[in-house]
Amino acid sequence: MTSSEKIIIADDHPLFRQALSAMLHSHFTNAQLYEAETIPELDKLLQLNNIDLILLDLDIPGAQGFNTLINLRSDFPEIGVVIISGIEDSDTINKAMHHGAAGFIPKSTPVVDMVGAISQVFAGNLWTPSGDYAQGNNNTISDERIDSLTPQQHKILLMFAEGLLNKQIAYDLGLAESTIKSHASTIFLKLGVRNRTQAVIVLNEILTLQNSFGPTLAN
């Protein structure tokens, strides 16, 4: 697989950075890679244009738990952030996803699964080892989850339902494709799903209920 994305590896362990960099070069041959071992170094790299993905270790010096993730999602919502951590309990994973991570990859993850995870994130999907964060993904999902979407996110969800690709949606809305991917990640988090297929299923279920019991959702 080839990719021209710009990726920052933010981890304070040189050997792990080296191994991760080698893996990325091998499978994403055109990717531009940058490395940071502290939060100040990460902040400097973020001044570069068009960073697409940050692979962030929660324990990097200066991170202060989830604060760096929260700040990144607030200051750079167009950049995907994937947590790569030696801590892999379900509570930590769920909290990371709740705070806006596009994925959570334990450091014990086999290389082939890491590649698949990063590919999924580049495709606009969320990724965790088991999807534990996606609680409530069943037929009881309420209208409130759709109502929580912004008008732009609702429009993008409807375009997902039409089968449009991220590139097509970006063109139609006059936005960067990376912005569409960021919106997609937020939509998935709000709906408690993993990908666009599941998001469309949720939308269709709610619309079916509305057709049966009367409209409750304003367009």
N, C-alpha and C. Protein backbone atom coordinates (compact mmCIF):
# COMPACT_ATOMS: atom_id res chain seq x y z
N MET A 1 0.84 -1.20 0.00
CA MET A 1 0.00 0.00 0.00
C MET A 1 0.87 1.25 0.00
N THR A 2 0.49 2.24 -0.81
CA THR A 2 1.23 3.50 -0.82
C THR A 2 0.38 4.58 -0.19
N SER A 3 1.03 5.57 0.36
CA SER A 3 0.32 6.67 1.01
C SER A 3 1.22 7.89 1.03
N SER A 4 0.63 9.08 0.86
CA SER A 4 1.42 10.31 0.89
C SER A 4 1.11 11.10 2.16
N GLU A 5 0.44 10.47 3.14
CA GLU A 5 0.09 11.18 4.36
C GLU A 5 1.32 11.55 5.18
N LYS A 6 1.15 12.62 5.97
CA LYS A 6 2.20 13.04 6.91
C LYS A 6 1.83 12.52 8.29
N ILE A 7 2.75 11.77 8.87
CA ILE A 7 2.49 11.08 10.14
C ILE A 7 3.53 11.49 11.17
N ILE A 8 3.06 11.82 12.37
CA ILE A 8 3.96 12.10 13.48
C ILE A 8 3.93 10.92 14.45
N ILE A 9 5.10 10.39 14.79
CA ILE A 9 5.23 9.37 15.82
C ILE A 9 5.67 10.07 17.10
N ALA A 10 4.80 10.14 18.09
CA ALA A 10 5.10 10.84 19.35
C ALA A 10 5.26 9.80 20.46
N ASP A 11 6.51 9.42 20.72
CA ASP A 11 6.81 8.38 21.70
C ASP A 11 8.21 8.61 22.21
N ASP A 12 8.43 8.40 23.50
CA ASP A 12 9.74 8.70 24.08
C ASP A 12 10.68 7.50 24.12
N HIS A 13 10.26 6.37 23.53
CA HIS A 13 11.13 5.19 23.51
C HIS A 13 11.77 5.06 22.12
N PRO A 14 13.07 5.33 21.99
CA PRO A 14 13.73 5.34 20.67
C PRO A 14 13.58 4.02 19.90
N LEU A 15 13.71 2.89 20.59
CA LEU A 15 13.62 1.61 19.89
C LEU A 15 12.21 1.39 19.33
N PHE A 16 11.19 1.79 20.10
CA PHE A 16 9.82 1.61 19.60
C PHE A 16 9.56 2.55 18.42
N ARG A 17 10.05 3.80 18.52
CA ARG A 17 9.89 4.73 17.40
C ARG A 17 10.56 4.18 16.15
N GLN A 18 11.76 3.61 16.33
CA GLN A 18 12.49 3.07 15.19
C GLN A 18 11.73 1.91 14.56
N ALA A 19 11.19 1.03 15.41
CA ALA A 19 10.44 -0.12 14.89
C ALA A 19 9.16 0.32 14.20
N LEU A 20 8.46 1.28 14.81
CA LEU A 20 7.22 1.77 14.22
C LEU A 20 7.49 2.50 12.91
N SER A 21 8.57 3.28 12.88
CA SER A 21 8.94 3.98 11.66
C SER A 21 9.25 3.01 10.53
N ALA A 22 9.99 1.95 10.85
CA ALA A 22 10.33 0.94 9.84
C ALA A 22 9.08 0.26 9.30
N MET A 23 8.14 -0.04 10.20
CA MET A 23 6.89 -0.67 9.79
C MET A 23 6.10 0.25 8.86
N LEU A 24 6.02 1.53 9.21
CA LEU A 24 5.26 2.47 8.39
C LEU A 24 5.92 2.66 7.03
N HIS A 25 7.26 2.78 7.01
CA HIS A 25 7.96 2.92 5.73
C HIS A 25 7.72 1.72 4.84
N SER A 26 7.63 0.55 5.45
CA SER A 26 7.46 -0.69 4.69
C SER A 26 6.07 -0.79 4.07
N HIS A 27 5.04 -0.34 4.80
CA HIS A 27 3.67 -0.56 4.35
C HIS A 27 2.99 0.70 3.80
N PHE A 28 3.50 1.88 4.14
CA PHE A 28 2.97 3.13 3.62
C PHE A 28 4.16 3.86 2.98
N THR A 29 4.55 3.38 1.81
CA THR A 29 5.87 3.69 1.25
C THR A 29 6.10 5.16 0.93
N ASN A 30 5.05 5.92 0.68
CA ASN A 30 5.22 7.33 0.35
C ASN A 30 4.92 8.26 1.51
N ALA A 31 4.63 7.70 2.67
CA ALA A 31 4.30 8.54 3.82
C ALA A 31 5.51 9.35 4.28
N GLN A 32 5.26 10.56 4.73
CA GLN A 32 6.30 11.40 5.31
C GLN A 32 6.21 11.26 6.83
N LEU A 33 7.30 10.79 7.45
CA LEU A 33 7.28 10.49 8.87
C LEU A 33 8.10 11.52 9.66
N TYR A 34 7.57 11.89 10.81
CA TYR A 34 8.25 12.81 11.73
C TYR A 34 8.20 12.18 13.12
N GLU A 35 9.22 12.47 13.93
CA GLU A 35 9.29 11.86 15.26
C GLU A 35 9.41 12.92 16.34
N ALA A 36 8.73 12.67 17.46
CA ALA A 36 8.81 13.55 18.63
C ALA A 36 8.89 12.68 19.87
N GLU A 37 9.77 13.05 20.81
CA GLU A 37 9.85 12.27 22.04
C GLU A 37 9.39 13.05 23.26
N THR A 38 8.95 14.28 23.06
CA THR A 38 8.38 15.09 24.12
C THR A 38 7.23 15.91 23.55
N ILE A 39 6.39 16.45 24.43
CA ILE A 39 5.28 17.28 23.97
C ILE A 39 5.79 18.56 23.30
N PRO A 40 6.82 19.24 23.83
CA PRO A 40 7.34 20.42 23.11
C PRO A 40 7.78 20.10 21.69
N GLU A 41 8.42 18.94 21.49
CA GLU A 41 8.83 18.55 20.13
C GLU A 41 7.60 18.31 19.26
N LEU A 42 6.57 17.70 19.84
CA LEU A 42 5.34 17.48 19.09
C LEU A 42 4.71 18.81 18.69
N ASP A 43 4.69 19.76 19.62
CA ASP A 43 4.11 21.07 19.33
C ASP A 43 4.83 21.75 18.15
N LYS A 44 6.17 21.61 18.09
CA LYS A 44 6.92 22.19 16.98
C LYS A 44 6.54 21.54 15.65
N LEU A 45 6.41 20.22 15.67
CA LEU A 45 6.06 19.52 14.43
C LEU A 45 4.66 19.89 13.95
N LEU A 46 3.79 20.21 14.89
CA LEU A 46 2.42 20.55 14.51
C LEU A 46 2.33 21.87 13.76
N GLN A 47 3.42 22.62 13.74
CA GLN A 47 3.45 23.85 12.95
C GLN A 47 3.60 23.56 11.46
N LEU A 48 3.97 22.32 11.15
CA LEU A 48 4.04 21.92 9.74
C LEU A 48 2.64 21.88 9.16
N ASN A 49 2.53 22.04 7.87
CA ASN A 49 1.22 22.04 7.24
C ASN A 49 0.74 20.63 6.92
N ASN A 50 -0.57 20.44 7.05
CA ASN A 50 -1.23 19.24 6.54
C ASN A 50 -0.77 17.94 7.20
N ILE A 51 -0.54 17.96 8.51
CA ILE A 51 -0.31 16.71 9.22
C ILE A 51 -1.61 15.92 9.19
N ASP A 52 -1.54 14.65 8.83
CA ASP A 52 -2.74 13.83 8.70
C ASP A 52 -3.00 12.95 9.91
N LEU A 53 -1.93 12.50 10.58
CA LEU A 53 -2.12 11.52 11.65
C LEU A 53 -1.03 11.66 12.69
N ILE A 54 -1.43 11.55 13.96
CA ILE A 54 -0.48 11.51 15.07
C ILE A 54 -0.62 10.17 15.77
N LEU A 55 0.48 9.46 15.91
CA LEU A 55 0.52 8.23 16.69
C LEU A 55 1.08 8.60 18.05
N LEU A 56 0.24 8.66 19.06
CA LEU A 56 0.57 9.28 20.34
C LEU A 56 0.64 8.26 21.47
N ASP A 57 1.78 8.25 22.17
CA ASP A 57 1.92 7.46 23.39
C ASP A 57 1.39 8.29 24.55
N LEU A 58 0.46 7.74 25.33
CA LEU A 58 -0.12 8.47 26.45
C LEU A 58 0.91 8.86 27.50
N ASP A 59 2.02 8.10 27.56
CA ASP A 59 3.03 8.34 28.59
C ASP A 59 4.19 9.22 28.12
N ILE A 60 4.07 9.83 26.94
CA ILE A 60 5.15 10.69 26.46
C ILE A 60 5.35 11.83 27.45
N PRO A 61 6.59 12.20 27.78
CA PRO A 61 6.83 13.26 28.75
C PRO A 61 6.07 14.55 28.44
N GLY A 62 5.32 15.02 29.44
CA GLY A 62 4.55 16.25 29.28
C GLY A 62 3.10 16.02 28.88
N ALA A 63 2.72 14.75 28.64
CA ALA A 63 1.37 14.47 28.14
C ALA A 63 0.30 14.68 29.19
N GLN A 64 0.61 14.42 30.47
CA GLN A 64 -0.36 14.59 31.56
C GLN A 64 -1.66 13.84 31.27
N GLY A 65 -1.50 12.52 31.13
CA GLY A 65 -2.68 11.69 30.90
C GLY A 65 -3.34 11.97 29.57
N PHE A 66 -4.65 12.25 29.64
CA PHE A 66 -5.41 12.47 28.40
C PHE A 66 -5.41 13.94 27.98
N ASN A 67 -4.73 14.80 28.73
CA ASN A 67 -4.78 16.23 28.43
C ASN A 67 -4.28 16.55 27.03
N THR A 68 -3.18 15.90 26.61
CA THR A 68 -2.65 16.18 25.28
C THR A 68 -3.63 15.77 24.20
N LEU A 69 -4.24 14.60 24.37
CA LEU A 69 -5.24 14.14 23.40
C LEU A 69 -6.40 15.14 23.33
N ILE A 70 -6.89 15.56 24.48
CA ILE A 70 -8.01 16.51 24.52
C ILE A 70 -7.63 17.81 23.83
N ASN A 71 -6.44 18.31 24.11
CA ASN A 71 -5.99 19.57 23.50
C ASN A 71 -5.80 19.43 21.99
N LEU A 72 -5.25 18.30 21.57
CA LEU A 72 -5.06 18.08 20.14
C LEU A 72 -6.39 18.07 19.40
N ARG A 73 -7.38 17.39 19.97
CA ARG A 73 -8.67 17.31 19.29
C ARG A 73 -9.36 18.67 19.26
N SER A 74 -9.07 19.51 20.27
CA SER A 74 -9.65 20.84 20.31
C SER A 74 -8.95 21.80 19.35
N ASP A 75 -7.61 21.74 19.34
CA ASP A 75 -6.83 22.70 18.56
C ASP A 75 -6.64 22.27 17.11
N PHE A 76 -6.62 20.96 16.85
CA PHE A 76 -6.39 20.45 15.50
C PHE A 76 -7.42 19.37 15.16
N PRO A 77 -8.70 19.75 15.09
CA PRO A 77 -9.75 18.74 14.86
C PRO A 77 -9.63 18.01 13.54
N GLU A 78 -8.87 18.59 12.60
CA GLU A 78 -8.72 17.96 11.29
C GLU A 78 -7.68 16.85 11.29
N ILE A 79 -6.89 16.74 12.37
CA ILE A 79 -5.83 15.73 12.46
C ILE A 79 -6.32 14.51 13.23
N GLY A 80 -6.18 13.34 12.65
CA GLY A 80 -6.52 12.12 13.37
C GLY A 80 -5.46 11.80 14.41
N VAL A 81 -5.89 11.34 15.58
CA VAL A 81 -4.97 10.96 16.64
C VAL A 81 -5.24 9.51 17.02
N VAL A 82 -4.23 8.68 16.89
CA VAL A 82 -4.32 7.29 17.30
C VAL A 82 -3.43 7.08 18.51
N ILE A 83 -3.98 6.56 19.59
CA ILE A 83 -3.20 6.28 20.79
C ILE A 83 -2.50 4.94 20.60
N ILE A 84 -1.19 4.94 20.82
CA ILE A 84 -0.42 3.69 20.83
C ILE A 84 0.20 3.58 22.22
N SER A 85 -0.24 2.59 22.99
CA SER A 85 0.09 2.56 24.40
C SER A 85 0.39 1.16 24.91
N GLY A 86 1.23 1.12 25.94
CA GLY A 86 1.49 -0.14 26.63
C GLY A 86 0.37 -0.48 27.59
N ILE A 87 -0.48 0.51 27.88
CA ILE A 87 -1.65 0.28 28.72
C ILE A 87 -2.82 -0.07 27.81
N GLU A 88 -3.47 -1.19 28.07
CA GLU A 88 -4.50 -1.63 27.13
C GLU A 88 -5.75 -2.16 27.81
N ASP A 89 -6.05 -1.66 29.03
CA ASP A 89 -7.29 -2.09 29.67
C ASP A 89 -8.47 -1.37 29.02
N SER A 90 -9.65 -1.97 29.11
CA SER A 90 -10.82 -1.45 28.41
C SER A 90 -11.20 -0.05 28.88
N ASP A 91 -10.98 0.25 30.17
CA ASP A 91 -11.33 1.57 30.68
C ASP A 91 -10.49 2.66 30.01
N THR A 92 -9.18 2.41 29.88
CA THR A 92 -8.30 3.37 29.21
C THR A 92 -8.68 3.54 27.75
N ILE A 93 -8.98 2.43 27.09
CA ILE A 93 -9.38 2.48 25.68
C ILE A 93 -10.65 3.30 25.51
N ASN A 94 -11.64 3.02 26.35
CA ASN A 94 -12.92 3.74 26.25
C ASN A 94 -12.75 5.23 26.51
N LYS A 95 -11.91 5.58 27.49
CA LYS A 95 -11.69 6.99 27.79
C LYS A 95 -10.99 7.69 26.63
N ALA A 96 -10.01 7.02 26.02
CA ALA A 96 -9.31 7.61 24.88
C ALA A 96 -10.28 7.86 23.72
N MET A 97 -11.13 6.89 23.45
CA MET A 97 -12.08 7.06 22.36
C MET A 97 -13.11 8.14 22.69
N HIS A 98 -13.52 8.19 23.96
CA HIS A 98 -14.47 9.21 24.39
C HIS A 98 -13.89 10.61 24.20
N HIS A 99 -12.57 10.73 24.39
CA HIS A 99 -11.92 12.04 24.26
C HIS A 99 -11.53 12.35 22.82
N GLY A 100 -11.95 11.53 21.87
CA GLY A 100 -11.80 11.87 20.46
C GLY A 100 -10.71 11.16 19.68
N ALA A 101 -10.08 10.14 20.28
CA ALA A 101 -9.08 9.38 19.52
C ALA A 101 -9.75 8.68 18.35
N ALA A 102 -9.04 8.58 17.24
CA ALA A 102 -9.56 7.87 16.08
C ALA A 102 -9.28 6.37 16.19
N GLY A 103 -8.39 6.01 17.11
CA GLY A 103 -8.07 4.60 17.30
C GLY A 103 -7.22 4.41 18.54
N PHE A 104 -7.15 3.16 18.99
CA PHE A 104 -6.31 2.81 20.14
C PHE A 104 -5.62 1.50 19.81
N ILE A 105 -4.28 1.57 19.67
CA ILE A 105 -3.50 0.38 19.31
C ILE A 105 -2.57 0.02 20.46
N PRO A 106 -2.81 -1.08 21.15
CA PRO A 106 -1.87 -1.52 22.18
C PRO A 106 -0.51 -1.84 21.56
N LYS A 107 0.57 -1.57 22.29
CA LYS A 107 1.90 -1.83 21.76
C LYS A 107 2.16 -3.32 21.55
N SER A 108 1.33 -4.16 22.15
CA SER A 108 1.48 -5.60 21.96
C SER A 108 0.81 -6.10 20.68
N THR A 109 0.17 -5.19 19.94
CA THR A 109 -0.55 -5.56 18.72
C THR A 109 0.41 -6.07 17.65
N PRO A 110 0.12 -7.20 17.00
CA PRO A 110 0.97 -7.68 15.91
C PRO A 110 1.06 -6.66 14.78
N VAL A 111 2.19 -6.66 14.09
CA VAL A 111 2.43 -5.68 13.03
C VAL A 111 1.32 -5.67 11.99
N VAL A 112 0.88 -6.83 11.57
CA VAL A 112 -0.16 -6.89 10.53
C VAL A 112 -1.43 -6.19 11.00
N ASP A 113 -1.76 -6.32 12.30
CA ASP A 113 -2.95 -5.67 12.82
C ASP A 113 -2.74 -4.16 12.97
N MET A 114 -1.51 -3.75 13.30
CA MET A 114 -1.21 -2.32 13.35
C MET A 114 -1.41 -1.68 11.98
N VAL A 115 -0.91 -2.35 10.96
CA VAL A 115 -1.06 -1.84 9.60
C VAL A 115 -2.54 -1.73 9.24
N GLY A 116 -3.30 -2.78 9.58
CA GLY A 116 -4.73 -2.76 9.30
C GLY A 116 -5.45 -1.65 10.05
N ALA A 117 -5.04 -1.44 11.31
CA ALA A 117 -5.67 -0.39 12.12
C ALA A 117 -5.43 0.98 11.53
N ILE A 118 -4.18 1.27 11.17
CA ILE A 118 -3.85 2.57 10.60
C ILE A 118 -4.54 2.75 9.25
N SER A 119 -4.63 1.70 8.47
CA SER A 119 -5.34 1.77 7.20
C SER A 119 -6.81 2.09 7.42
N GLN A 120 -7.41 1.50 8.45
CA GLN A 120 -8.81 1.78 8.76
C GLN A 120 -9.01 3.23 9.14
N VAL A 121 -8.09 3.77 9.92
CA VAL A 121 -8.19 5.18 10.32
C VAL A 121 -8.06 6.09 9.11
N PHE A 122 -7.10 5.77 8.22
CA PHE A 122 -6.95 6.57 7.00
C PHE A 122 -8.21 6.51 6.14
N ALA A 123 -8.95 5.40 6.24
CA ALA A 123 -10.18 5.25 5.47
C ALA A 123 -11.36 5.97 6.12
N GLY A 124 -11.12 6.57 7.30
CA GLY A 124 -12.17 7.32 7.97
C GLY A 124 -12.91 6.55 9.02
N ASN A 125 -12.42 5.33 9.36
CA ASN A 125 -13.07 4.51 10.37
C ASN A 125 -12.35 4.64 11.71
N LEU A 126 -13.03 4.24 12.77
CA LEU A 126 -12.40 4.15 14.08
C LEU A 126 -11.88 2.73 14.27
N TRP A 127 -10.86 2.58 15.16
CA TRP A 127 -10.32 1.23 15.37
C TRP A 127 -9.90 1.06 16.83
N THR A 128 -10.33 -0.03 17.43
CA THR A 128 -9.81 -0.51 18.71
C THR A 128 -9.69 -2.02 18.60
N PRO A 129 -8.97 -2.66 19.51
CA PRO A 129 -8.80 -4.12 19.40
C PRO A 129 -10.11 -4.89 19.36
N SER A 130 -11.09 -4.45 20.15
CA SER A 130 -12.34 -5.22 20.21
C SER A 130 -13.58 -4.37 20.07
N GLY A 131 -13.43 -3.05 19.97
CA GLY A 131 -14.59 -2.18 19.84
C GLY A 131 -15.37 -2.02 21.12
N ASP A 132 -14.71 -2.19 22.29
CA ASP A 132 -15.41 -2.10 23.57
C ASP A 132 -16.07 -0.75 23.80
N TYR A 133 -15.50 0.30 23.18
CA TYR A 133 -16.03 1.64 23.40
C TYR A 133 -17.39 1.83 22.79
N ALA A 134 -17.71 1.00 21.79
CA ALA A 134 -18.96 1.20 21.03
C ALA A 134 -20.15 0.66 21.79
N GLN A 135 -20.36 1.14 22.99
CA GLN A 135 -21.47 0.69 23.80
C GLN A 135 -22.77 1.26 23.28
N GLY A 136 -23.83 0.49 23.39
CA GLY A 136 -25.13 0.97 22.96
C GLY A 136 -25.37 0.82 21.48
N ASN A 137 -24.51 0.10 20.79
CA ASN A 137 -24.70 -0.09 19.35
C ASN A 137 -25.72 -1.20 19.11
N ASN A 138 -27.00 -0.86 19.29
CA ASN A 138 -28.06 -1.84 19.11
C ASN A 138 -29.32 -1.12 18.68
N ASN A 139 -30.42 -1.84 18.62
CA ASN A 139 -31.66 -1.26 18.11
C ASN A 139 -32.29 -0.24 19.03
N THR A 140 -31.75 -0.04 20.23
CA THR A 140 -32.33 0.91 21.16
C THR A 140 -31.72 2.30 21.04
N ILE A 141 -30.79 2.48 20.08
CA ILE A 141 -30.18 3.81 19.91
C ILE A 141 -31.27 4.84 19.63
N SER A 142 -31.25 5.93 20.36
CA SER A 142 -32.34 6.90 20.30
C SER A 142 -32.06 8.03 19.33
N ASP A 143 -33.13 8.80 19.09
CA ASP A 143 -33.01 9.95 18.21
C ASP A 143 -31.99 10.96 18.73
N GLU A 144 -31.78 10.99 20.05
CA GLU A 144 -30.88 11.98 20.62
C GLU A 144 -29.48 11.89 20.03
N ARG A 145 -29.06 10.69 19.63
CA ARG A 145 -27.71 10.55 19.06
C ARG A 145 -27.63 11.22 17.70
N ILE A 146 -28.68 11.13 16.93
CA ILE A 146 -28.71 11.84 15.66
C ILE A 146 -28.83 13.34 15.92
N ASP A 147 -29.66 13.70 16.91
CA ASP A 147 -29.86 15.12 17.23
C ASP A 147 -28.56 15.79 17.69
N SER A 148 -27.63 14.99 18.23
CA SER A 148 -26.37 15.56 18.73
C SER A 148 -25.44 15.97 17.60
N LEU A 149 -25.73 15.54 16.38
CA LEU A 149 -24.89 15.90 15.24
C LEU A 149 -25.12 17.36 14.85
N THR A 150 -24.06 18.01 14.44
CA THR A 150 -24.20 19.36 13.90
C THR A 150 -24.86 19.26 12.52
N PRO A 151 -25.41 20.37 12.00
CA PRO A 151 -26.01 20.32 10.66
C PRO A 151 -25.03 19.79 9.60
N GLN A 152 -23.75 20.19 9.71
CA GLN A 152 -22.76 19.71 8.75
C GLN A 152 -22.56 18.20 8.88
N GLN A 153 -22.48 17.70 10.11
CA GLN A 153 -22.30 16.27 10.34
C GLN A 153 -23.52 15.49 9.87
N HIS A 154 -24.70 16.05 10.09
CA HIS A 154 -25.91 15.38 9.63
C HIS A 154 -25.93 15.29 8.11
N LYS A 155 -25.50 16.36 7.45
CA LYS A 155 -25.44 16.37 5.99
C LYS A 155 -24.46 15.30 5.50
N ILE A 156 -23.30 15.20 6.17
CA ILE A 156 -22.30 14.22 5.77
C ILE A 156 -22.83 12.80 5.99
N LEU A 157 -23.54 12.58 7.10
CA LEU A 157 -24.12 11.26 7.34
C LEU A 157 -25.11 10.89 6.24
N LEU A 158 -25.93 11.84 5.81
CA LEU A 158 -26.86 11.57 4.72
C LEU A 158 -26.11 11.24 3.43
N MET A 159 -24.97 11.89 3.22
CA MET A 159 -24.17 11.61 2.02
C MET A 159 -23.52 10.23 2.12
N PHE A 160 -23.17 9.82 3.35
CA PHE A 160 -22.71 8.44 3.55
C PHE A 160 -23.80 7.47 3.09
N ALA A 161 -25.03 7.79 3.47
CA ALA A 161 -26.16 6.92 3.13
C ALA A 161 -26.37 6.83 1.62
N GLU A 162 -25.94 7.88 0.91
CA GLU A 162 -26.05 7.87 -0.56
C GLU A 162 -24.91 7.10 -1.20
N GLY A 163 -23.95 6.65 -0.36
CA GLY A 163 -22.84 5.87 -0.89
C GLY A 163 -21.69 6.68 -1.43
N LEU A 164 -21.65 7.98 -1.13
CA LEU A 164 -20.58 8.83 -1.64
C LEU A 164 -19.29 8.58 -0.87
N LEU A 165 -18.17 8.65 -1.55
CA LEU A 165 -16.86 8.49 -0.94
C LEU A 165 -16.43 9.80 -0.27
N ASN A 166 -15.47 9.71 0.65
CA ASN A 166 -14.98 10.92 1.32
C ASN A 166 -14.53 11.98 0.33
N LYS A 167 -13.85 11.53 -0.73
CA LYS A 167 -13.34 12.47 -1.74
C LYS A 167 -14.49 13.19 -2.44
N GLN A 168 -15.57 12.45 -2.74
CA GLN A 168 -16.73 13.06 -3.40
C GLN A 168 -17.43 14.04 -2.47
N ILE A 169 -17.56 13.66 -1.19
CA ILE A 169 -18.21 14.53 -0.22
C ILE A 169 -17.41 15.81 -0.05
N ALA A 170 -16.09 15.66 0.04
CA ALA A 170 -15.22 16.83 0.19
C ALA A 170 -15.40 17.79 -0.98
N TYR A 171 -15.46 17.24 -2.19
CA TYR A 171 -15.64 18.07 -3.38
C TYR A 171 -16.99 18.78 -3.35
N ASP A 172 -18.04 18.05 -3.03
CA ASP A 172 -19.39 18.62 -3.03
C ASP A 172 -19.55 19.72 -1.98
N LEU A 173 -18.88 19.56 -0.84
CA LEU A 173 -19.03 20.52 0.26
C LEU A 173 -17.94 21.58 0.25
N GLY A 174 -16.98 21.46 -0.66
CA GLY A 174 -15.90 22.43 -0.72
C GLY A 174 -14.96 22.35 0.46
N LEU A 175 -14.73 21.14 0.98
CA LEU A 175 -13.88 20.93 2.14
C LEU A 175 -12.71 20.02 1.79
N ALA A 176 -11.68 20.00 2.65
CA ALA A 176 -10.57 19.07 2.48
C ALA A 176 -11.03 17.66 2.86
N GLU A 177 -10.46 16.67 2.21
CA GLU A 177 -10.83 15.29 2.52
C GLU A 177 -10.50 14.95 3.97
N SER A 178 -9.40 15.50 4.49
CA SER A 178 -9.04 15.26 5.88
C SER A 178 -10.10 15.80 6.84
N THR A 179 -10.76 16.89 6.45
CA THR A 179 -11.84 17.45 7.27
C THR A 179 -13.04 16.52 7.29
N ILE A 180 -13.34 15.91 6.16
CA ILE A 180 -14.44 14.94 6.09
C ILE A 180 -14.13 13.75 6.99
N LYS A 181 -12.88 13.28 6.97
CA LYS A 181 -12.50 12.15 7.82
C LYS A 181 -12.64 12.51 9.29
N SER A 182 -12.29 13.74 9.64
CA SER A 182 -12.42 14.18 11.02
C SER A 182 -13.89 14.22 11.44
N HIS A 183 -14.74 14.78 10.56
CA HIS A 183 -16.18 14.79 10.83
C HIS A 183 -16.70 13.36 10.97
N ALA A 184 -16.21 12.46 10.11
CA ALA A 184 -16.67 11.08 10.16
C ALA A 184 -16.35 10.45 11.51
N SER A 185 -15.13 10.68 12.00
CA SER A 185 -14.74 10.12 13.29
C SER A 185 -15.66 10.63 14.40
N THR A 186 -16.00 11.93 14.35
CA THR A 186 -16.88 12.50 15.36
C THR A 186 -18.29 11.92 15.25
N ILE A 187 -18.77 11.73 14.03
CA ILE A 187 -20.08 11.12 13.82
C ILE A 187 -20.11 9.72 14.43
N PHE A 188 -19.06 8.93 14.18
CA PHE A 188 -19.02 7.57 14.70
C PHE A 188 -19.04 7.57 16.22
N LEU A 189 -18.28 8.49 16.81
CA LEU A 189 -18.24 8.58 18.28
C LEU A 189 -19.62 8.93 18.83
N LYS A 190 -20.29 9.90 18.23
CA LYS A 190 -21.59 10.33 18.72
C LYS A 190 -22.65 9.23 18.57
N LEU A 191 -22.53 8.43 17.53
CA LEU A 191 -23.51 7.37 17.30
C LEU A 191 -23.13 6.07 17.98
N GLY A 192 -21.89 5.98 18.49
CA GLY A 192 -21.45 4.76 19.14
C GLY A 192 -21.21 3.62 18.17
N VAL A 193 -20.68 3.94 16.99
CA VAL A 193 -20.43 2.93 15.96
C VAL A 193 -18.96 2.96 15.54
N ARG A 194 -18.58 2.02 14.70
CA ARG A 194 -17.18 1.89 14.30
C ARG A 194 -16.88 2.42 12.91
N ASN A 195 -17.88 2.43 12.03
CA ASN A 195 -17.60 2.83 10.65
C ASN A 195 -18.86 3.40 9.99
N ARG A 196 -18.70 3.82 8.74
CA ARG A 196 -19.81 4.47 8.04
C ARG A 196 -20.97 3.51 7.78
N THR A 197 -20.66 2.24 7.55
CA THR A 197 -21.74 1.27 7.32
C THR A 197 -22.66 1.19 8.52
N GLN A 198 -22.08 1.08 9.71
CA GLN A 198 -22.88 1.01 10.93
C GLN A 198 -23.62 2.33 11.18
N ALA A 199 -22.98 3.46 10.83
CA ALA A 199 -23.63 4.76 11.00
C ALA A 199 -24.88 4.85 10.13
N VAL A 200 -24.79 4.37 8.90
CA VAL A 200 -25.93 4.41 7.99
C VAL A 200 -27.03 3.48 8.49
N ILE A 201 -26.65 2.33 9.06
CA ILE A 201 -27.64 1.42 9.61
C ILE A 201 -28.43 2.10 10.73
N VAL A 202 -27.70 2.82 11.61
CA VAL A 202 -28.35 3.55 12.70
C VAL A 202 -29.32 4.59 12.12
N LEU A 203 -28.86 5.34 11.13
CA LEU A 203 -29.71 6.36 10.51
C LEU A 203 -30.96 5.72 9.93
N ASN A 204 -30.80 4.63 9.21
CA ASN A 204 -31.94 3.97 8.58
C ASN A 204 -32.92 3.43 9.60
N GLU A 205 -32.40 2.90 10.73
CA GLU A 205 -33.27 2.38 11.78
C GLU A 205 -34.12 3.49 12.38
N ILE A 206 -33.50 4.65 12.61
CA ILE A 206 -34.23 5.76 13.20
C ILE A 206 -35.25 6.32 12.22
N LEU A 207 -34.85 6.43 10.95
CA LEU A 207 -35.79 6.93 9.94
C LEU A 207 -36.98 5.97 9.78
N THR A 208 -36.72 4.66 9.89
CA THR A 208 -37.80 3.68 9.81
C THR A 208 -38.78 3.85 10.95
N LEU A 209 -38.24 4.07 12.17
CA LEU A 209 -39.10 4.29 13.33
C LEU A 209 -39.91 5.56 13.17
N GLN A 210 -39.27 6.59 12.62
CA GLN A 210 -39.98 7.85 12.44
C GLN A 210 -41.12 7.70 11.43
N ASN A 211 -40.88 6.91 10.39
CA ASN A 211 -41.92 6.69 9.40
C ASN A 211 -43.09 5.91 9.99
N SER A 212 -42.78 5.08 11.01
CA SER A 212 -43.81 4.26 11.63
C SER A 212 -44.62 5.03 12.66
N PHE A 213 -43.92 5.92 13.42
CA PHE A 213 -44.56 6.58 14.55
C PHE A 213 -44.70 8.08 14.39
N GLY A 214 -44.25 8.59 13.25
CA GLY A 214 -44.37 10.03 13.04
C GLY A 214 -43.04 10.70 13.15
N PRO A 215 -42.79 11.75 12.38
CA PRO A 215 -41.47 12.42 12.36
C PRO A 215 -41.18 13.14 13.67
N THR A 216 -39.94 12.97 14.17
CA THR A 216 -39.50 13.68 15.36
C THR A 216 -38.19 14.40 15.12
N LEU A 217 -37.61 14.21 13.94
CA LEU A 217 -36.29 14.78 13.65
C LEU A 217 -36.43 15.86 12.60
N ALA A 218 -36.00 17.02 12.96
CA ALA A 218 -36.03 18.13 11.99
C ALA A 218 -34.91 17.97 11.01
N ASN A 219 -35.16 18.25 9.76
CA ASN A 219 -34.12 18.16 8.75
C ASN A 219 -33.22 19.37 8.82
